[in-house]
Protein backbone atom coordinates (compact mmCIF):
# COMPACT_ATOMS: atom_id res chain seq x y z
CA MET A 1 -33.81 45.14 -5.50
CA ASN A 2 -32.72 41.55 -5.19
CA ASP A 3 -35.28 39.40 -3.35
CA MET A 4 -32.85 36.48 -3.01
CA PRO A 5 -31.60 35.83 0.53
CA SER A 6 -27.94 36.45 1.16
CA ARG A 7 -25.82 33.29 1.03
CA ARG A 8 -22.90 33.99 3.28
CA THR A 9 -20.48 31.14 3.70
CA ASP A 10 -18.55 31.00 6.94
CA THR A 11 -15.35 29.14 6.02
CA THR A 12 -14.20 28.99 9.64
CA ALA A 13 -16.93 26.44 10.38
CA ILE A 14 -15.68 24.01 7.71
CA PRO A 15 -13.38 21.35 9.17
CA HIS A 16 -9.94 20.97 7.64
CA VAL A 17 -10.01 18.35 4.91
CA THR A 18 -6.87 16.45 3.99
CA THR A 19 -6.14 13.81 1.39
CA GLU A 20 -3.23 12.41 3.37
CA ARG A 21 -3.87 8.78 4.24
CA LYS A 22 -3.11 7.79 7.81
CA ILE A 23 -1.59 4.34 8.08
CA PRO A 24 -1.55 2.77 11.52
CA SER A 25 1.90 2.16 12.93
CA THR A 26 1.10 -1.53 12.94
CA MET A 27 -1.69 -3.43 11.23
CA CYS A 28 -0.37 -6.67 12.67
CA GLN A 29 -2.57 -8.03 15.46
CA HIS A 30 -0.97 -11.50 15.69
CA GLN A 31 2.17 -13.01 17.19
CA PRO A 32 4.87 -13.14 16.09
CA PRO A 33 4.38 -9.87 14.25
CA CYS A 34 4.99 -9.64 10.53
CA PRO A 35 8.21 -8.06 9.28
CA PRO A 36 7.85 -4.30 8.72
CA ALA A 37 7.50 -2.87 5.22
CA GLU A 38 11.06 -1.50 5.37
CA SER A 39 12.68 -4.90 5.97
CA ALA A 40 14.15 -7.15 3.28
CA ASP A 41 11.72 -9.99 4.15
CA ARG A 42 8.60 -7.80 3.92
CA GLU A 43 6.99 -10.21 1.41
CA SER A 44 6.68 -12.89 4.10
CA ALA A 45 3.95 -10.91 5.90
CA ARG A 46 0.47 -12.43 6.09
CA LEU A 47 -2.15 -11.70 3.45
CA VAL A 48 -4.91 -9.30 4.45
CA ALA A 49 -6.61 -9.10 1.05
CA HIS A 50 -5.95 -11.17 -2.06
CA HIS A 51 -7.35 -10.20 -5.47
CA PRO A 52 -5.70 -12.40 -8.12
CA GLU A 53 -8.32 -11.33 -10.67
CA GLN A 54 -6.97 -7.78 -10.31
CA GLY A 55 -3.34 -8.82 -9.88
CA TRP A 56 -2.60 -7.57 -6.35
CA SER A 57 -2.53 -8.53 -2.69
CA LEU A 58 -2.37 -6.46 0.49
CA LEU A 59 0.00 -7.73 3.14
CA CYS A 60 -0.37 -7.24 6.89
CA ASN A 61 2.53 -4.77 6.95
CA GLY A 62 0.74 -2.46 4.48
CA VAL A 63 2.69 -3.54 1.38
CA LEU A 64 0.77 -3.90 -1.88
CA LEU A 65 2.26 -6.85 -3.73
CA PHE A 66 1.56 -7.12 -7.46
CA GLU A 67 1.51 -10.29 -9.57
CA ASP A 68 4.48 -9.07 -11.61
CA THR A 69 6.44 -9.07 -8.28
CA GLY A 70 6.45 -5.28 -8.06
CA GLU A 71 5.55 -3.68 -4.75
CA LEU A 72 4.14 -0.45 -3.39
CA LEU A 73 5.23 0.36 0.16
CA PRO A 74 2.97 2.22 2.61
CA ASP A 75 5.12 5.36 2.30
CA GLY A 76 4.57 5.42 -1.50
CA GLN A 77 7.96 3.98 -2.43
CA ILE A 78 7.87 1.76 -5.53
CA ILE A 79 9.81 -1.50 -5.65
CA ALA A 80 10.39 -2.59 -9.25
CA PRO A 81 9.42 -6.13 -10.27
CA HIS A 82 12.08 -8.67 -9.34
CA ARG A 83 11.14 -11.79 -11.23
CA PRO A 84 13.32 -14.86 -10.75
CA LEU A 85 15.43 -15.97 -13.68
CA GLY A 86 13.85 -18.60 -15.95
CA THR A 87 15.53 -21.96 -16.38
CA GLY A 88 16.93 -20.86 -19.75
CA GLN A 89 18.76 -17.96 -18.09
CA VAL A 90 20.31 -19.85 -15.18
CA MET A 91 23.99 -20.66 -15.51
CA THR A 92 25.38 -23.80 -13.95
CA ALA A 93 28.77 -24.06 -12.33
CA ALA A 94 31.31 -26.23 -14.12
């Protein structure tokens, strides 16, 4: 016979684990509040964390701003880099 004790696992006692990240409805604790991540002026929000050595910053509205001007919104939407035109690419009016 087997002398090993029975190892029964009760899966009902294990709490539900999720990988979904909960983002607070507002991270902004100051007045006036920062523009929301969905607004066109989202980049004017205050810095929460700045890591130039890694090339990114976290804004108060939950937007990750990258040094190449790309963005990652809190809902996972990607905003492609939108670099300004260099002086060699700017046309002047006649």
